[in-house]
Amino acid sequence: HGMKPVIAGGAEAWIVARELAEADVPVILNALEDLPQDFDRL
């Protein structure tokens, strides 16, 4: 839809890192995020 996306949070971004790199999408993250605080961050 013509938007330029930026991911914020991205606790599971490492799983799709190659796809993010290919799409040139940056990630803004909290580097201390290491516990599954909810089901989105397992």
PDB file of all heavy atoms in Angstrom:
ATOM      1  N   HIS A   1       0.807  -1.216   0.000  1.00  0.00           N
ATOM      2  CA  HIS A   1       0.000   0.000   0.000  1.00  0.00           C
ATOM      3  C   HIS A   1       0.845   1.274   0.000  1.00  0.00           C
ATOM      4  O   HIS A   1       0.347   2.348   0.332  1.00  0.00           O
ATOM      5  CB  HIS A   1      -0.950  -0.006   1.198  1.00  0.00           C
ATOM      6  CG  HIS A   1      -2.074  -1.000   1.068  1.00  0.00           C
ATOM      7  ND1 HIS A   1      -3.159  -0.805   0.237  1.00  0.00           N
ATOM      8  CD2 HIS A   1      -2.247  -2.216   1.645  1.00  0.00           C
ATOM      9  CE1 HIS A   1      -3.975  -1.837   0.325  1.00  0.00           C
ATOM     10  NE2 HIS A   1      -3.445  -2.716   1.166  1.00  0.00           N
ATOM     11  N   GLY A   2       2.097   1.154  -0.374  1.00  0.00           N
ATOM     12  CA  GLY A   2       2.927   2.327  -0.575  1.00  0.00           C
ATOM     13  C   GLY A   2       3.523   2.932   0.669  1.00  0.00           C
ATOM     14  O   GLY A   2       4.103   4.021   0.616  1.00  0.00           O
ATOM     15  N   MET A   3       3.399   2.259   1.801  1.00  0.00           N
ATOM     16  CA  MET A   3       3.976   2.772   3.036  1.00  0.00           C
ATOM     17  C   MET A   3       5.425   2.302   3.186  1.00  0.00           C
ATOM     18  O   MET A   3       5.814   1.262   2.647  1.00  0.00           O
ATOM     19  CB  MET A   3       3.162   2.304   4.244  1.00  0.00           C
ATOM     20  CG  MET A   3       1.759   2.881   4.314  1.00  0.00           C
ATOM     21  SD  MET A   3       0.800   2.202   5.698  1.00  0.00           S
ATOM     22  CE  MET A   3       0.084   0.727   4.939  1.00  0.00           C
ATOM     23  N   LYS A   4       6.221   3.062   3.939  1.00  0.00           N
ATOM     24  CA  LYS A   4       7.605   2.702   4.239  1.00  0.00           C
ATOM     25  C   LYS A   4       7.635   2.216   5.688  1.00  0.00           C
ATOM     26  O   LYS A   4       7.673   3.019   6.625  1.00  0.00           O
ATOM     27  CB  LYS A   4       8.503   3.914   4.056  1.00  0.00           C
ATOM     28  CG  LYS A   4       9.983   3.643   4.245  1.00  0.00           C
ATOM     29  CD  LYS A   4      10.781   4.910   3.987  1.00  0.00           C
ATOM     30  CE  LYS A   4      12.264   4.657   4.194  1.00  0.00           C
ATOM     31  NZ  LYS A   4      13.053   5.903   3.957  1.00  0.00           N
ATOM     32  N   PRO A   5       7.621   0.899   5.921  1.00  0.00           N
ATOM     33  CA  PRO A   5       7.451   0.396   7.288  1.00  0.00           C
ATOM     34  C   PRO A   5       8.727   0.404   8.113  1.00  0.00           C
ATOM     35  O   PRO A   5       9.839   0.199   7.603  1.00  0.00           O
ATOM     36  CB  PRO A   5       6.966  -1.041   7.066  1.00  0.00           C
ATOM     37  CG  PRO A   5       7.576  -1.434   5.756  1.00  0.00           C
ATOM     38  CD  PRO A   5       7.609  -0.193   4.925  1.00  0.00           C
ATOM     39  N   VAL A   6       8.553   0.654   9.405  1.00  0.00           N
ATOM     40  CA  VAL A   6       9.595   0.500  10.418  1.00  0.00           C
ATOM     41  C   VAL A   6       8.984  -0.368  11.516  1.00  0.00           C
ATOM     42  O   VAL A   6       7.850  -0.119  11.933  1.00  0.00           O
ATOM     43  CB  VAL A   6      10.031   1.860  10.998  1.00  0.00           C
ATOM     44  CG1 VAL A   6      11.018   1.663  12.151  1.00  0.00           C
ATOM     45  CG2 VAL A   6      10.627   2.750   9.916  1.00  0.00           C
ATOM     46  N   ILE A   7       9.723  -1.373  11.974  1.00  0.00           N
ATOM     47  CA  ILE A   7       9.229  -2.251  13.034  1.00  0.00           C
ATOM     48  C   ILE A   7       9.724  -1.730  14.378  1.00  0.00           C
ATOM     49  O   ILE A   7      10.913  -1.478  14.562  1.00  0.00           O
ATOM     50  CB  ILE A   7       9.716  -3.701  12.833  1.00  0.00           C
ATOM     51  CG1 ILE A   7       9.241  -4.240  11.474  1.00  0.00           C
ATOM     52  CG2 ILE A   7       9.226  -4.592  13.970  1.00  0.00           C
ATOM     53  CD1 ILE A   7       7.753  -4.217  11.274  1.00  0.00           C
ATOM     54  N   ALA A   8       8.805  -1.572  15.326  1.00  0.00           N
ATOM     55  CA  ALA A   8       9.164  -1.169  16.687  1.00  0.00           C
ATOM     56  C   ALA A   8       8.781  -2.296  17.641  1.00  0.00           C
ATOM     57  O   ALA A   8       7.648  -2.789  17.588  1.00  0.00           O
ATOM     58  CB  ALA A   8       8.459   0.119  17.087  1.00  0.00           C
ATOM     59  N   GLY A   9       9.671  -2.677  18.503  1.00  0.00           N
ATOM     60  CA  GLY A   9       9.451  -3.837  19.369  1.00  0.00           C
ATOM     61  C   GLY A   9      10.206  -5.011  18.793  1.00  0.00           C
ATOM     62  O   GLY A   9      11.350  -5.263  19.143  1.00  0.00           O
ATOM     63  N   GLY A  10       9.528  -5.742  17.907  1.00  0.00           N
ATOM     64  CA  GLY A  10      10.191  -6.794  17.144  1.00  0.00           C
ATOM     65  C   GLY A  10      10.868  -7.851  17.991  1.00  0.00           C
ATOM     66  O   GLY A  10      11.972  -8.306  17.664  1.00  0.00           O
ATOM     67  N   ALA A  11      10.217  -8.297  19.065  1.00  0.00           N
ATOM     68  CA  ALA A  11      10.831  -9.295  19.943  1.00  0.00           C
ATOM     69  C   ALA A  11      11.192 -10.569  19.185  1.00  0.00           C
ATOM     70  O   ALA A  11      12.184 -11.225  19.492  1.00  0.00           O
ATOM     71  CB  ALA A  11       9.891  -9.621  21.104  1.00  0.00           C
ATOM     72  N   GLU A  12      10.395 -10.904  18.177  1.00  0.00           N
ATOM     73  CA  GLU A  12      10.674 -12.097  17.370  1.00  0.00           C
ATOM     74  C   GLU A  12      11.203 -11.744  15.987  1.00  0.00           C
ATOM     75  O   GLU A  12      11.188 -12.584  15.081  1.00  0.00           O
ATOM     76  CB  GLU A  12       9.408 -12.945  17.243  1.00  0.00           C
ATOM     77  CG  GLU A  12       8.944 -13.570  18.546  1.00  0.00           C
ATOM     78  CD  GLU A  12       7.848 -14.603  18.350  1.00  0.00           C
ATOM     79  OE1 GLU A  12       7.273 -14.677  17.238  1.00  0.00           O
ATOM     80  OE2 GLU A  12       7.578 -15.340  19.300  1.00  0.00           O
ATOM     81  N   ALA A  13      11.742 -10.535  15.831  1.00  0.00           N
ATOM     82  CA  ALA A  13      12.223 -10.101  14.522  1.00  0.00           C
ATOM     83  C   ALA A  13      13.368 -10.966  14.012  1.00  0.00           C
ATOM     84  O   ALA A  13      13.541 -11.137  12.800  1.00  0.00           O
ATOM     85  CB  ALA A  13      12.649  -8.634  14.586  1.00  0.00           C
ATOM     86  N   TRP A  14      14.171 -11.523  14.921  1.00  0.00           N
ATOM     87  CA  TRP A  14      15.300 -12.359  14.499  1.00  0.00           C
ATOM     88  C   TRP A  14      14.845 -13.549  13.653  1.00  0.00           C
ATOM     89  O   TRP A  14      15.599 -14.034  12.791  1.00  0.00           O
ATOM     90  CB  TRP A  14      16.070 -12.850  15.724  1.00  0.00           C
ATOM     91  CG  TRP A  14      15.270 -13.721  16.654  1.00  0.00           C
ATOM     92  CD1 TRP A  14      14.474 -13.315  17.682  1.00  0.00           C
ATOM     93  CD2 TRP A  14      15.183 -15.149  16.626  1.00  0.00           C
ATOM     94  NE1 TRP A  14      13.894 -14.392  18.309  1.00  0.00           N
ATOM     95  CE2 TRP A  14      14.315 -15.531  17.689  1.00  0.00           C
ATOM     96  CE3 TRP A  14      15.755 -16.137  15.831  1.00  0.00           C
ATOM     97  CZ2 TRP A  14      14.007 -16.863  17.947  1.00  0.00           C
ATOM     98  CZ3 TRP A  14      15.446 -17.477  16.084  1.00  0.00           C
ATOM     99  CH2 TRP A  14      14.583 -17.811  17.146  1.00  0.00           C
ATOM    100  N   ILE A  15      13.623 -14.004  13.870  1.00  0.00           N
ATOM    101  CA  ILE A  15      13.110 -15.162  13.134  1.00  0.00           C
ATOM    102  C   ILE A  15      12.937 -14.834  11.653  1.00  0.00           C
ATOM    103  O   ILE A  15      13.141 -15.696  10.784  1.00  0.00           O
ATOM    104  CB  ILE A  15      11.777 -15.631  13.747  1.00  0.00           C
ATOM    105  CG1 ILE A  15      11.992 -16.081  15.195  1.00  0.00           C
ATOM    106  CG2 ILE A  15      11.148 -16.757  12.922  1.00  0.00           C
ATOM    107  CD1 ILE A  15      10.707 -16.401  15.945  1.00  0.00           C
ATOM    108  N   VAL A  16      12.599 -13.594  11.361  1.00  0.00           N
ATOM    109  CA  VAL A  16      12.373 -13.176   9.972  1.00  0.00           C
ATOM    110  C   VAL A  16      13.419 -12.148   9.544  1.00  0.00           C
ATOM    111  O   VAL A  16      13.163 -11.293   8.704  1.00  0.00           O
ATOM    112  CB  VAL A  16      10.950 -12.619   9.798  1.00  0.00           C
ATOM    113  CG1 VAL A  16       9.920 -13.717   9.931  1.00  0.00           C
ATOM    114  CG2 VAL A  16      10.655 -11.507  10.804  1.00  0.00           C
ATOM    115  N   ALA A  17      14.604 -12.243  10.123  1.00  0.00           N
ATOM    116  CA  ALA A  17      15.652 -11.252   9.866  1.00  0.00           C
ATOM    117  C   ALA A  17      16.011 -11.163   8.385  1.00  0.00           C
ATOM    118  O   ALA A  17      16.189 -10.066   7.842  1.00  0.00           O
ATOM    119  CB  ALA A  17      16.890 -11.587  10.697  1.00  0.00           C
ATOM    120  N   ARG A  18      16.131 -12.304   7.719  1.00  0.00           N
ATOM    121  CA  ARG A  18      16.525 -12.284   6.304  1.00  0.00           C
ATOM    122  C   ARG A  18      15.470 -11.566   5.462  1.00  0.00           C
ATOM    123  O   ARG A  18      15.811 -10.772   4.583  1.00  0.00           O
ATOM    124  CB  ARG A  18      16.729 -13.706   5.797  1.00  0.00           C
ATOM    125  CG  ARG A  18      17.203 -13.776   4.351  1.00  0.00           C
ATOM    126  CD  ARG A  18      17.496 -15.205   3.929  1.00  0.00           C
ATOM    127  NE  ARG A  18      18.527 -15.803   4.763  1.00  0.00           N
ATOM    128  CZ  ARG A  18      18.933 -17.071   4.645  1.00  0.00           C
ATOM    129  NH1 ARG A  18      18.374 -17.866   3.730  1.00  0.00           N
ATOM    130  NH2 ARG A  18      19.883 -17.546   5.423  1.00  0.00           N
ATOM    131  N   GLU A  19      14.202 -11.808   5.753  1.00  0.00           N
ATOM    132  CA  GLU A  19      13.136 -11.147   5.004  1.00  0.00           C
ATOM    133  C   GLU A  19      13.136  -9.636   5.257  1.00  0.00           C
ATOM    134  O   GLU A  19      12.918  -8.843   4.349  1.00  0.00           O
ATOM    135  CB  GLU A  19      11.783 -11.739   5.392  1.00  0.00           C
ATOM    136  CG  GLU A  19      11.621 -13.192   4.983  1.00  0.00           C
ATOM    137  CD  GLU A  19      10.343 -13.798   5.533  1.00  0.00           C
ATOM    138  OE1 GLU A  19       9.259 -13.304   5.179  1.00  0.00           O
ATOM    139  OE2 GLU A  19      10.437 -14.749   6.331  1.00  0.00           O
ATOM    140  N   LEU A  20      13.395  -9.234   6.499  1.00  0.00           N
ATOM    141  CA  LEU A  20      13.456  -7.806   6.818  1.00  0.00           C
ATOM    142  C   LEU A  20      14.611  -7.140   6.089  1.00  0.00           C
ATOM    143  O   LEU A  20      14.474  -6.019   5.590  1.00  0.00           O
ATOM    144  CB  LEU A  20      13.611  -7.624   8.334  1.00  0.00           C
ATOM    145  CG  LEU A  20      12.391  -7.971   9.180  1.00  0.00           C
ATOM    146  CD1 LEU A  20      12.752  -8.013  10.664  1.00  0.00           C
ATOM    147  CD2 LEU A  20      11.271  -6.973   8.947  1.00  0.00           C
ATOM    148  N   ALA A  21      15.744  -7.815   6.029  1.00  0.00           N
ATOM    149  CA  ALA A  21      16.896  -7.260   5.326  1.00  0.00           C
ATOM    150  C   ALA A  21      16.605  -7.111   3.832  1.00  0.00           C
ATOM    151  O   ALA A  21      16.928  -6.083   3.225  1.00  0.00           O
ATOM    152  CB  ALA A  21      18.120  -8.138   5.541  1.00  0.00           C
ATOM    153  N   GLU A  22      15.999  -8.119   3.236  1.00  0.00           N
ATOM    154  CA  GLU A  22      15.674  -8.070   1.812  1.00  0.00           C
ATOM    155  C   GLU A  22      14.678  -6.964   1.499  1.00  0.00           C
ATOM    156  O   GLU A  22      14.744  -6.335   0.440  1.00  0.00           O
ATOM    157  CB  GLU A  22      15.130  -9.420   1.360  1.00  0.00           C
ATOM    158  CG  GLU A  22      16.173 -10.530   1.357  1.00  0.00           C
ATOM    159  CD  GLU A  22      15.579 -11.894   1.042  1.00  0.00           C
ATOM    160  OE1 GLU A  22      14.320 -11.983   0.957  1.00  0.00           O
ATOM    161  OE2 GLU A  22      16.351 -12.857   0.885  1.00  0.00           O
ATOM    162  N   ALA A  23      13.762  -6.695   2.442  1.00  0.00           N
ATOM    163  CA  ALA A  23      12.756  -5.651   2.242  1.00  0.00           C
ATOM    164  C   ALA A  23      13.254  -4.282   2.696  1.00  0.00           C
ATOM    165  O   ALA A  23      12.536  -3.292   2.559  1.00  0.00           O
ATOM    166  CB  ALA A  23      11.473  -6.014   2.995  1.00  0.00           C
ATOM    167  N   ASP A  24      14.471  -4.226   3.246  1.00  0.00           N
ATOM    168  CA  ASP A  24      15.065  -2.982   3.751  1.00  0.00           C
ATOM    169  C   ASP A  24      14.165  -2.331   4.806  1.00  0.00           C
ATOM    170  O   ASP A  24      13.858  -1.139   4.753  1.00  0.00           O
ATOM    171  CB  ASP A  24      15.328  -2.006   2.595  1.00  0.00           C
ATOM    172  CG  ASP A  24      16.204  -0.824   3.019  1.00  0.00           C
ATOM    173  OD1 ASP A  24      16.964  -0.971   3.982  1.00  0.00           O
ATOM    174  OD2 ASP A  24      16.108   0.247   2.387  1.00  0.00           O
ATOM    175  N   VAL A  25      13.766  -3.134   5.769  1.00  0.00           N
ATOM    176  CA  VAL A  25      12.901  -2.659   6.855  1.00  0.00           C
ATOM    177  C   VAL A  25      13.704  -2.644   8.157  1.00  0.00           C
ATOM    178  O   VAL A  25      14.169  -3.695   8.602  1.00  0.00           O
ATOM    179  CB  VAL A  25      11.663  -3.558   7.015  1.00  0.00           C
ATOM    180  CG1 VAL A  25      10.830  -3.129   8.219  1.00  0.00           C
ATOM    181  CG2 VAL A  25      10.824  -3.517   5.742  1.00  0.00           C
ATOM    182  N   PRO A  26      13.883  -1.485   8.774  1.00  0.00           N
ATOM    183  CA  PRO A  26      14.643  -1.412  10.022  1.00  0.00           C
ATOM    184  C   PRO A  26      13.818  -1.856  11.220  1.00  0.00           C
ATOM    185  O   PRO A  26      12.585  -1.904  11.167  1.00  0.00           O
ATOM    186  CB  PRO A  26      15.006   0.075  10.119  1.00  0.00           C
ATOM    187  CG  PRO A  26      13.922   0.770   9.366  1.00  0.00           C
ATOM    188  CD  PRO A  26      13.466  -0.167   8.287  1.00  0.00           C
ATOM    189  N   VAL A  27      14.516  -2.157  12.323  1.00  0.00           N
ATOM    190  CA  VAL A  27      13.876  -2.586  13.554  1.00  0.00           C
ATOM    191  C   VAL A  27      14.404  -1.747  14.710  1.00  0.00           C
ATOM    192  O   VAL A  27      15.617  -1.576  14.864  1.00  0.00           O
ATOM    193  CB  VAL A  27      14.140  -4.083  13.841  1.00  0.00           C
ATOM    194  CG1 VAL A  27      13.525  -4.491  15.179  1.00  0.00           C
ATOM    195  CG2 VAL A  27      13.583  -4.953  12.724  1.00  0.00           C
ATOM    196  N   ILE A  28      13.479  -1.230  15.523  1.00  0.00           N
ATOM    197  CA  ILE A  28      13.830  -0.481  16.730  1.00  0.00           C
ATOM    198  C   ILE A  28      13.412  -1.340  17.910  1.00  0.00           C
ATOM    199  O   ILE A  28      12.226  -1.617  18.089  1.00  0.00           O
ATOM    200  CB  ILE A  28      13.131   0.885  16.746  1.00  0.00           C
ATOM    201  CG1 ILE A  28      13.479   1.656  15.466  1.00  0.00           C
ATOM    202  CG2 ILE A  28      13.547   1.689  17.972  1.00  0.00           C
ATOM    203  CD1 ILE A  28      12.719   2.943  15.308  1.00  0.00           C
ATOM    204  N   LEU A  29      14.389  -1.766  18.709  1.00  0.00           N
ATOM    205  CA  LEU A  29      14.109  -2.805  19.688  1.00  0.00           C
ATOM    206  C   LEU A  29      14.671  -2.478  21.063  1.00  0.00           C
ATOM    207  O   LEU A  29      15.519  -1.592  21.224  1.00  0.00           O
ATOM    208  CB  LEU A  29      14.678  -4.145  19.216  1.00  0.00           C
ATOM    209  CG  LEU A  29      16.205  -4.289  19.179  1.00  0.00           C
ATOM    210  CD1 LEU A  29      16.601  -5.749  19.347  1.00  0.00           C
ATOM    211  CD2 LEU A  29      16.782  -3.751  17.870  1.00  0.00           C
ATOM    212  N   ASN A  30      14.175  -3.211  22.041  1.00  0.00           N
ATOM    213  CA  ASN A  30      14.697  -3.186  23.395  1.00  0.00           C
ATOM    214  C   ASN A  30      15.598  -4.407  23.557  1.00  0.00           C
ATOM    215  O   ASN A  30      15.122  -5.542  23.556  1.00  0.00           O
ATOM    216  CB  ASN A  30      13.556  -3.226  24.411  1.00  0.00           C
ATOM    217  CG  ASN A  30      14.030  -3.182  25.853  1.00  0.00           C
ATOM    218  OD1 ASN A  30      15.166  -3.516  26.169  1.00  0.00           O
ATOM    219  ND2 ASN A  30      13.139  -2.773  26.746  1.00  0.00           N
ATOM    220  N   ALA A  31      16.907  -4.167  23.686  1.00  0.00           N
ATOM    221  CA  ALA A  31      17.863  -5.274  23.700  1.00  0.00           C
ATOM    222  C   ALA A  31      17.834  -6.079  24.990  1.00  0.00           C
ATOM    223  O   ALA A  31      18.543  -7.088  25.101  1.00  0.00           O
ATOM    224  CB  ALA A  31      19.272  -4.737  23.468  1.00  0.00           C
ATOM    225  N   LEU A  32      17.035  -5.666  25.959  1.00  0.00           N
ATOM    226  CA  LEU A  32      16.897  -6.439  27.191  1.00  0.00           C
ATOM    227  C   LEU A  32      15.653  -7.326  27.178  1.00  0.00           C
ATOM    228  O   LEU A  32      15.347  -7.983  28.175  1.00  0.00           O
ATOM    229  CB  LEU A  32      16.840  -5.500  28.402  1.00  0.00           C
ATOM    230  CG  LEU A  32      18.148  -4.793  28.750  1.00  0.00           C
ATOM    231  CD1 LEU A  32      17.948  -3.834  29.918  1.00  0.00           C
ATOM    232  CD2 LEU A  32      19.237  -5.805  29.084  1.00  0.00           C
ATOM    233  N   GLU A  33      14.951  -7.362  26.058  1.00  0.00           N
ATOM    234  CA  GLU A  33      13.736  -8.173  25.930  1.00  0.00           C
ATOM    235  C   GLU A  33      14.137  -9.629  25.752  1.00  0.00           C
ATOM    236  O   GLU A  33      14.580 -10.046  24.675  1.00  0.00           O
ATOM    237  CB  GLU A  33      12.931  -7.688  24.724  1.00  0.00           C
ATOM    238  CG  GLU A  33      11.534  -8.245  24.614  1.00  0.00           C
ATOM    239  CD  GLU A  33      10.543  -7.486  25.477  1.00  0.00           C
ATOM    240  OE1 GLU A  33      10.249  -6.328  25.174  1.00  0.00           O
ATOM    241  OE2 GLU A  33      10.054  -8.091  26.444  1.00  0.00           O
ATOM    242  N   ASP A  34      14.004 -10.417  26.814  1.00  0.00           N
ATOM    243  CA  ASP A  34      14.422 -11.819  26.704  1.00  0.00           C
ATOM    244  C   ASP A  34      13.463 -12.800  27.371  1.00  0.00           C
ATOM    245  O   ASP A  34      13.743 -13.990  27.447  1.00  0.00           O
ATOM    246  CB  ASP A  34      15.823 -12.005  27.298  1.00  0.00           C
ATOM    247  CG  ASP A  34      15.838 -11.882  28.816  1.00  0.00           C
ATOM    248  OD1 ASP A  34      15.019 -11.116  29.338  1.00  0.00           O
ATOM    249  OD2 ASP A  34      16.672 -12.544  29.459  1.00  0.00           O
ATOM    250  N   LEU A  35      12.315 -12.310  27.860  1.00  0.00           N
ATOM    251  CA  LEU A  35      11.342 -13.182  28.499  1.00  0.00           C
ATOM    252  C   LEU A  35      10.010 -13.109  27.751  1.00  0.00           C
ATOM    253  O   LEU A  35       9.639 -12.047  27.239  1.00  0.00           O
ATOM    254  CB  LEU A  35      11.138 -12.785  29.963  1.00  0.00           C
ATOM    255  CG  LEU A  35      12.347 -12.961  30.882  1.00  0.00           C
ATOM    256  CD1 LEU A  35      12.044 -12.387  32.262  1.00  0.00           C
ATOM    257  CD2 LEU A  35      12.743 -14.425  30.994  1.00  0.00           C
ATOM    258  N   PRO A  36       9.280 -14.195  27.694  1.00  0.00           N
ATOM    259  CA  PRO A  36       7.981 -14.209  26.998  1.00  0.00           C
ATOM    260  C   PRO A  36       6.907 -13.518  27.838  1.00  0.00           C
ATOM    261  O   PRO A  36       6.086 -14.166  28.491  1.00  0.00           O
ATOM    262  CB  PRO A  36       7.693 -15.694  26.811  1.00  0.00           C
ATOM    263  CG  PRO A  36       8.412 -16.361  27.951  1.00  0.00           C
ATOM    264  CD  PRO A  36       9.654 -15.542  28.188  1.00  0.00           C
ATOM    265  N   GLN A  37       6.891 -12.191  27.794  1.00  0.00           N
ATOM    266  CA  GLN A  37       5.919 -11.450  28.601  1.00  0.00           C
ATOM    267  C   GLN A  37       4.488 -11.696  28.153  1.00  0.00           C
ATOM    268  O   GLN A  37       3.548 -11.485  28.915  1.00  0.00           O
ATOM    269  CB  GLN A  37       6.241  -9.966  28.543  1.00  0.00           C
ATOM    270  CG  GLN A  37       7.606  -9.622  29.139  1.00  0.00           C
ATOM    271  CD  GLN A  37       7.862  -8.132  29.157  1.00  0.00           C
ATOM    272  OE1 GLN A  37       6.945  -7.334  29.325  1.00  0.00           O
ATOM    273  NE2 GLN A  37       9.104  -7.742  28.988  1.00  0.00           N
ATOM    274  N   ASP A  38       4.305 -12.095  26.904  1.00  0.00           N
ATOM    275  CA  ASP A  38       2.991 -12.472  26.397  1.00  0.00           C
ATOM    276  C   ASP A  38       3.202 -13.439  25.244  1.00  0.00           C
ATOM    277  O   ASP A  38       4.339 -13.756  24.874  1.00  0.00           O
ATOM    278  CB  ASP A  38       2.184 -11.239  25.972  1.00  0.00           C
ATOM    279  CG  ASP A  38       2.936 -10.345  25.002  1.00  0.00           C
ATOM    280  OD1 ASP A  38       3.586 -10.872  24.066  1.00  0.00           O
ATOM    281  OD2 ASP A  38       2.899  -9.110  25.159  1.00  0.00           O
ATOM    282  N   PHE A  39       2.117 -13.903  24.645  1.00  0.00           N
ATOM    283  CA  PHE A  39       2.220 -14.909  23.592  1.00  0.00           C
ATOM    284  C   PHE A  39       2.800 -14.346  22.295  1.00  0.00           C
ATOM    285  O   PHE A  39       3.250 -15.115  21.441  1.00  0.00           O
ATOM    286  CB  PHE A  39       0.855 -15.553  23.332  1.00  0.00           C
ATOM    287  CG  PHE A  39       0.472 -16.558  24.381  1.00  0.00           C
ATOM    288  CD1 PHE A  39      -0.342 -16.204  25.433  1.00  0.00           C
ATOM    289  CD2 PHE A  39       0.953 -17.863  24.314  1.00  0.00           C
ATOM    290  CE1 PHE A  39      -0.681 -17.125  26.411  1.00  0.00           C
ATOM    291  CE2 PHE A  39       0.616 -18.788  25.289  1.00  0.00           C
ATOM    292  CZ  PHE A  39      -0.210 -18.422  26.347  1.00  0.00           C
ATOM    293  N   ASP A  40       2.823 -13.038  22.156  1.00  0.00           N
ATOM    294  CA  ASP A  40       3.454 -12.441  20.974  1.00  0.00           C
ATOM    295  C   ASP A  40       4.970 -12.434  21.080  1.00  0.00           C
ATOM    296  O   ASP A  40       5.665 -12.199  20.095  1.00  0.00           O
ATOM    297  CB  ASP A  40       2.964 -10.995  20.780  1.00  0.00           C
ATOM    298  CG  ASP A  40       1.587 -10.922  20.165  1.00  0.00           C
ATOM    299  OD1 ASP A  40       0.916 -11.975  20.097  1.00  0.00           O
ATOM    300  OD2 ASP A  40       1.173  -9.826  19.748  1.00  0.00           O
ATOM    301  N   ARG A  41       5.502 -12.657  22.304  1.00  0.00           N
ATOM    302  CA  ARG A  41       6.948 -12.556  22.516  1.00  0.00           C
ATOM    303  C   ARG A  41       7.557 -13.850  23.050  1.00  0.00           C
ATOM    304  O   ARG A  41       8.541 -13.830  23.781  1.00  0.00           O
ATOM    305  CB  ARG A  41       7.227 -11.393  23.481  1.00  0.00           C
ATOM    306  CG  ARG A  41       6.985 -10.042  22.851  1.00  0.00           C
ATOM    307  CD  ARG A  41       7.231  -8.906  23.817  1.00  0.00           C
ATOM    308  NE  ARG A  41       6.061  -8.616  24.617  1.00  0.00           N
ATOM    309  CZ  ARG A  41       5.927  -7.532  25.388  1.00  0.00           C
ATOM    310  NH1 ARG A  41       6.917  -6.662  25.469  1.00  0.00           N
ATOM    311  NH2 ARG A  41       4.825  -7.318  26.071  1.00  0.00           N
ATOM    312  N   LEU A  42       7.000 -14.959  22.635  1.00  0.00           N
ATOM    313  CA  LEU A  42       7.528 -16.241  23.084  1.00  0.00           C
ATOM    314  C   LEU A  42       8.962 -16.462  22.616  1.00  0.00           C
ATOM    315  O   LEU A  42       9.739 -17.151  23.266  1.00  0.00           O
ATOM    316  CB  LEU A  42       6.642 -17.381  22.575  1.00  0.00           C
ATOM    317  CG  LEU A  42       5.236 -17.471  23.188  1.00  0.00           C
ATOM    318  CD1 LEU A  42       4.445 -18.589  22.526  1.00  0.00           C
ATOM    319  CD2 LEU A  42       5.309 -17.682  24.694  1.00  0.00           C
TER     320      LEU A  42
END
